[in-house]
Amino acid sequence: MELYLNTTSPYARVACILLMEKGLISKVTLKWCDPWADDAELLKVNPAGRVPALVTNEGITLSESTLLAVYLDGAFPKTPMLPDNQRAQVLHLAGLGQNLMEAAFNIVIARKHDGHKANESMLGQRRWRALHRLLPQLESELGDTSPAVSLHLGEITTAVALAYLDFRLPEAVWQRACPKLGAWHAGIEARASFQQTAFV
C-alpha cells in the first residue's frame, strides 16, 4: 500500500496514526508530498489534490480518514478502529473531532489567504463559535476518561484535532477552559504513534 501525506495535515496524521495503531505502518510506503503545489504524483491518485490518499494493494485509491478506517478494519480486522460494540459512540466522537478539525483547518487556510481579517468575516466568526462550542462538549464527554490500551477512531481524530489547535492556533489556549480535556489529551500525546507523527 501507499499513503500520500504531508507533515502538517491533521487529516493525514489521523491516517498515519490509524496505520500505526493497527500495526500496519510497515506494510505502507509513505509518499510525502505538497498538496498545495498540485503535486503531479498525488493528482494521479487523487484528482482532488488532497491528503491522505491511500492506494491499496489492488491499486484502488481511498481518501478521507474515516473512510480509510472503515476500509482498514474490513481488510485488517485486528485492532479495530471502529469496534462493533461501540460503533455509534465512536462515530459520534469522531464526528465531534472532525468538526473541530474542520473549523480549525478552515480558519488557518482563510488566514493564509486573507490574513487575520479573515477572523472578522461571517464565516470566520462562525468557525470560532464552533470551536468554542465543541471544546466544552469534548471536555464533558472525555474529561473524566482515560485513554484505553487500544485507541479507536474517535479518540484519534479528536486528539489530532486538539494537537492541530496547539500547532496552528495557539491563541485558542483551550486547556485553560478545558483542563480535564487537556489532561486526557496529554495522555494520548504520550503514545508512540502520536510522538512519531508530531506536527512539524
Protein backbone atom coordinates (compact mmCIF):
# COMPACT_ATOMS: atom_id res chain seq x y z
CA MET A 1 0.00 0.00 0.00
CA GLU A 2 0.98 3.63 -0.45
CA LEU A 3 -0.06 6.58 1.69
CA TYR A 4 0.21 10.11 0.32
CA LEU A 5 0.60 12.59 3.15
CA ASN A 6 2.43 15.64 4.43
CA THR A 7 3.71 16.71 7.81
CA THR A 8 1.22 19.49 8.56
CA SER A 9 -2.11 17.92 7.52
CA PRO A 10 -4.22 16.83 10.50
CA TYR A 11 -6.19 14.55 8.19
CA ALA A 12 -3.05 12.78 7.01
CA ARG A 13 -1.83 12.49 10.58
CA VAL A 14 -5.03 10.67 11.54
CA ALA A 15 -4.48 8.20 8.70
CA CYS A 16 -0.86 7.61 9.68
CA ILE A 17 -1.80 7.03 13.32
CA LEU A 18 -4.56 4.62 12.28
CA LEU A 19 -1.99 2.54 10.41
CA MET A 20 0.44 2.64 13.33
CA GLU A 21 -2.16 1.69 15.92
CA LYS A 22 -3.30 -1.22 13.74
CA GLY A 23 0.29 -2.39 13.30
CA LEU A 24 0.20 -1.84 9.54
CA ILE A 25 2.65 1.01 9.02
CA SER A 26 5.42 -1.38 7.91
CA LYS A 27 3.17 -2.53 5.06
CA VAL A 28 2.82 1.02 3.69
CA THR A 29 5.13 3.16 1.57
CA LEU A 30 4.85 6.76 2.73
CA LYS A 31 4.71 9.23 -0.17
CA TRP A 32 5.44 12.71 1.15
CA CYS A 33 4.01 15.50 -0.99
CA ASP A 34 2.78 19.10 -1.04
CA PRO A 35 -0.94 19.10 -1.89
CA TRP A 36 -0.94 22.89 -2.23
CA ALA A 37 1.58 22.68 -5.07
CA ASP A 38 -0.65 20.45 -7.21
CA ASP A 39 1.83 17.62 -6.78
CA ALA A 40 1.59 15.64 -10.04
CA GLU A 41 2.01 12.24 -8.42
CA LEU A 42 -0.71 12.98 -5.86
CA LEU A 43 -3.09 14.26 -8.54
CA LYS A 44 -2.73 10.97 -10.42
CA VAL A 45 -4.16 9.04 -7.50
CA ASN A 46 -6.48 11.72 -6.10
CA PRO A 47 -7.62 14.41 -8.57
CA ALA A 48 -8.89 16.47 -5.63
CA GLY A 49 -5.26 17.00 -4.64
CA ARG A 50 -5.97 16.19 -1.00
CA VAL A 51 -4.22 14.10 1.59
CA PRO A 52 -4.45 11.50 2.92
CA ALA A 53 -4.77 9.27 -0.10
CA LEU A 54 -4.25 5.55 0.46
CA VAL A 55 -3.59 3.32 -2.55
CA THR A 56 -4.48 -0.28 -1.73
CA ASN A 57 -2.56 -3.32 -2.91
CA GLU A 58 -5.22 -3.66 -5.61
CA GLY A 59 -4.49 -0.14 -6.87
CA ILE A 60 -7.68 1.42 -5.52
CA THR A 61 -7.31 4.92 -4.04
CA LEU A 62 -9.17 5.80 -0.85
CA SER A 63 -9.38 9.27 0.66
CA GLU A 64 -10.85 10.79 3.82
CA SER A 65 -9.66 9.46 7.16
CA THR A 66 -12.97 7.95 8.27
CA LEU A 67 -13.31 6.01 5.03
CA LEU A 68 -9.76 4.75 5.44
CA ALA A 69 -10.65 3.49 8.92
CA VAL A 70 -13.66 1.62 7.54
CA TYR A 71 -11.56 0.01 4.81
CA LEU A 72 -8.68 -0.90 7.12
CA ASP A 73 -10.99 -2.53 9.65
CA GLY A 74 -12.56 -4.62 6.89
CA ALA A 75 -9.29 -5.63 5.27
CA PHE A 76 -7.32 -5.98 8.52
CA PRO A 77 -9.77 -6.77 11.37
CA LYS A 78 -7.11 -6.96 14.10
CA THR A 79 -7.21 -3.96 16.47
CA PRO A 80 -10.42 -2.41 15.10
CA MET A 81 -10.69 1.36 14.90
CA LEU A 82 -14.50 1.10 14.78
CA PRO A 83 -15.32 -1.63 17.31
CA ASP A 84 -18.74 -3.20 16.63
CA ASN A 85 -19.83 -2.98 20.26
CA GLN A 86 -19.39 0.80 20.41
CA ARG A 87 -19.60 1.88 16.78
CA ALA A 88 -22.22 4.60 17.26
CA GLN A 89 -20.32 6.21 20.15
CA VAL A 90 -17.01 6.03 18.27
CA LEU A 91 -18.55 7.65 15.20
CA HIS A 92 -20.20 10.29 17.39
CA LEU A 93 -16.83 11.22 18.92
CA ALA A 94 -15.10 11.04 15.54
CA GLY A 95 -17.69 13.47 14.22
CA LEU A 96 -17.02 15.96 17.02
CA GLY A 97 -13.27 15.66 16.42
CA GLN A 98 -13.71 16.01 12.68
CA ASN A 99 -15.84 19.13 13.10
CA LEU A 100 -13.23 20.65 15.41
CA MET A 101 -10.52 19.82 12.89
CA GLU A 102 -12.53 21.32 10.01
CA ALA A 103 -13.19 24.55 11.88
CA ALA A 104 -9.54 24.96 12.85
CA PHE A 105 -8.22 23.99 9.42
CA ASN A 106 -10.53 26.42 7.62
CA ILE A 107 -9.53 29.24 9.98
CA VAL A 108 -5.88 28.55 9.15
CA ILE A 109 -6.47 28.41 5.39
CA ALA A 110 -8.57 31.58 5.41
CA ARG A 111 -5.80 33.40 7.27
CA LYS A 112 -3.25 32.11 4.79
CA HIS A 113 -5.06 33.93 2.01
CA ASP A 114 -6.74 36.88 3.77
CA GLY A 115 -4.65 37.43 6.88
CA HIS A 116 -6.18 37.89 10.33
CA LYS A 117 -9.06 39.92 8.89
CA ALA A 118 -10.49 36.52 7.91
CA ASN A 119 -11.45 36.11 11.59
CA GLU A 120 -13.82 39.06 11.24
CA SER A 121 -15.78 37.64 8.33
CA MET A 122 -19.11 35.93 8.87
CA LEU A 123 -17.52 32.54 8.13
CA GLY A 124 -14.54 33.26 10.33
CA GLN A 125 -16.74 34.17 13.28
CA ARG A 126 -18.90 31.10 12.68
CA ARG A 127 -15.82 28.84 12.79
CA TRP A 128 -14.60 30.35 16.05
CA ARG A 129 -18.06 29.94 17.58
CA ALA A 130 -17.98 26.30 16.55
CA LEU A 131 -14.61 25.85 18.27
CA HIS A 132 -15.92 27.41 21.46
CA ARG A 133 -18.95 25.09 21.48
CA LEU A 134 -17.08 21.93 20.57
CA LEU A 135 -14.34 22.21 23.18
CA PRO A 136 -16.61 22.20 26.27
CA GLN A 137 -18.64 19.40 24.70
CA LEU A 138 -15.49 17.31 24.36
CA GLU A 139 -14.49 18.28 27.90
CA SER A 140 -17.80 16.95 29.19
CA GLU A 141 -17.51 13.70 27.24
CA LEU A 142 -13.80 12.92 27.63
CA GLY A 143 -12.63 14.89 30.65
CA ASP A 144 -13.25 12.11 33.15
CA THR A 145 -11.95 9.26 30.99
CA SER A 146 -8.53 7.74 30.41
CA PRO A 147 -7.25 6.54 27.03
CA ALA A 148 -7.72 2.80 26.62
CA VAL A 149 -4.91 0.42 25.73
CA SER A 150 -6.24 0.36 22.16
CA LEU A 151 -7.38 3.65 20.68
CA HIS A 152 -10.36 3.98 18.36
CA LEU A 153 -11.09 6.38 15.51
CA GLY A 154 -13.00 8.85 17.70
CA GLU A 155 -10.15 9.25 20.17
CA ILE A 156 -7.54 9.54 17.43
CA THR A 157 -9.48 12.14 15.43
CA THR A 158 -10.24 14.24 18.50
CA ALA A 159 -6.67 14.11 19.82
CA VAL A 160 -5.23 15.11 16.45
CA ALA A 161 -7.72 17.99 16.19
CA LEU A 162 -6.63 19.27 19.61
CA ALA A 163 -2.96 18.96 18.66
CA TYR A 164 -3.68 20.90 15.47
CA LEU A 165 -5.16 23.71 17.56
CA ASP A 166 -1.94 23.84 19.58
CA PHE A 167 0.13 23.78 16.38
CA ARG A 168 -1.71 26.35 14.28
CA LEU A 169 -3.97 28.31 16.65
CA PRO A 170 -2.12 28.54 19.98
CA GLU A 171 -4.13 31.64 20.86
CA ALA A 172 -7.12 29.34 21.43
CA VAL A 173 -5.47 28.31 24.76
CA TRP A 174 -8.21 25.72 25.07
CA GLN A 175 -6.57 23.90 28.00
CA ARG A 176 -7.32 26.88 30.26
CA ALA A 177 -11.07 26.43 29.84
CA CYS A 178 -10.92 22.64 29.49
CA PRO A 179 -8.29 21.33 31.93
CA LYS A 180 -9.70 17.81 32.12
CA LEU A 181 -9.69 17.56 28.33
CA GLY A 182 -6.12 18.82 28.40
CA ALA A 183 -5.12 16.03 30.77
CA TRP A 184 -6.86 13.44 28.58
CA HIS A 185 -5.06 14.81 25.52
CA ALA A 186 -1.67 14.74 27.23
CA GLY A 187 -2.17 11.04 27.94
CA ILE A 188 -2.82 10.29 24.28
CA GLU A 189 0.01 12.51 23.04
CA ALA A 190 2.43 10.40 25.07
CA ARG A 191 1.73 7.35 22.88
CA ALA A 192 4.40 6.34 20.38
CA SER A 193 2.10 6.79 17.38
CA PHE A 194 1.49 10.42 18.36
CA GLN A 195 5.10 11.13 19.28
CA GLN A 196 6.31 9.81 15.92
CA THR A 197 3.79 11.84 13.90
CA ALA A 198 4.04 15.16 15.73
CA PHE A 199 3.35 18.24 13.62
CA VAL A 200 6.47 19.99 12.30
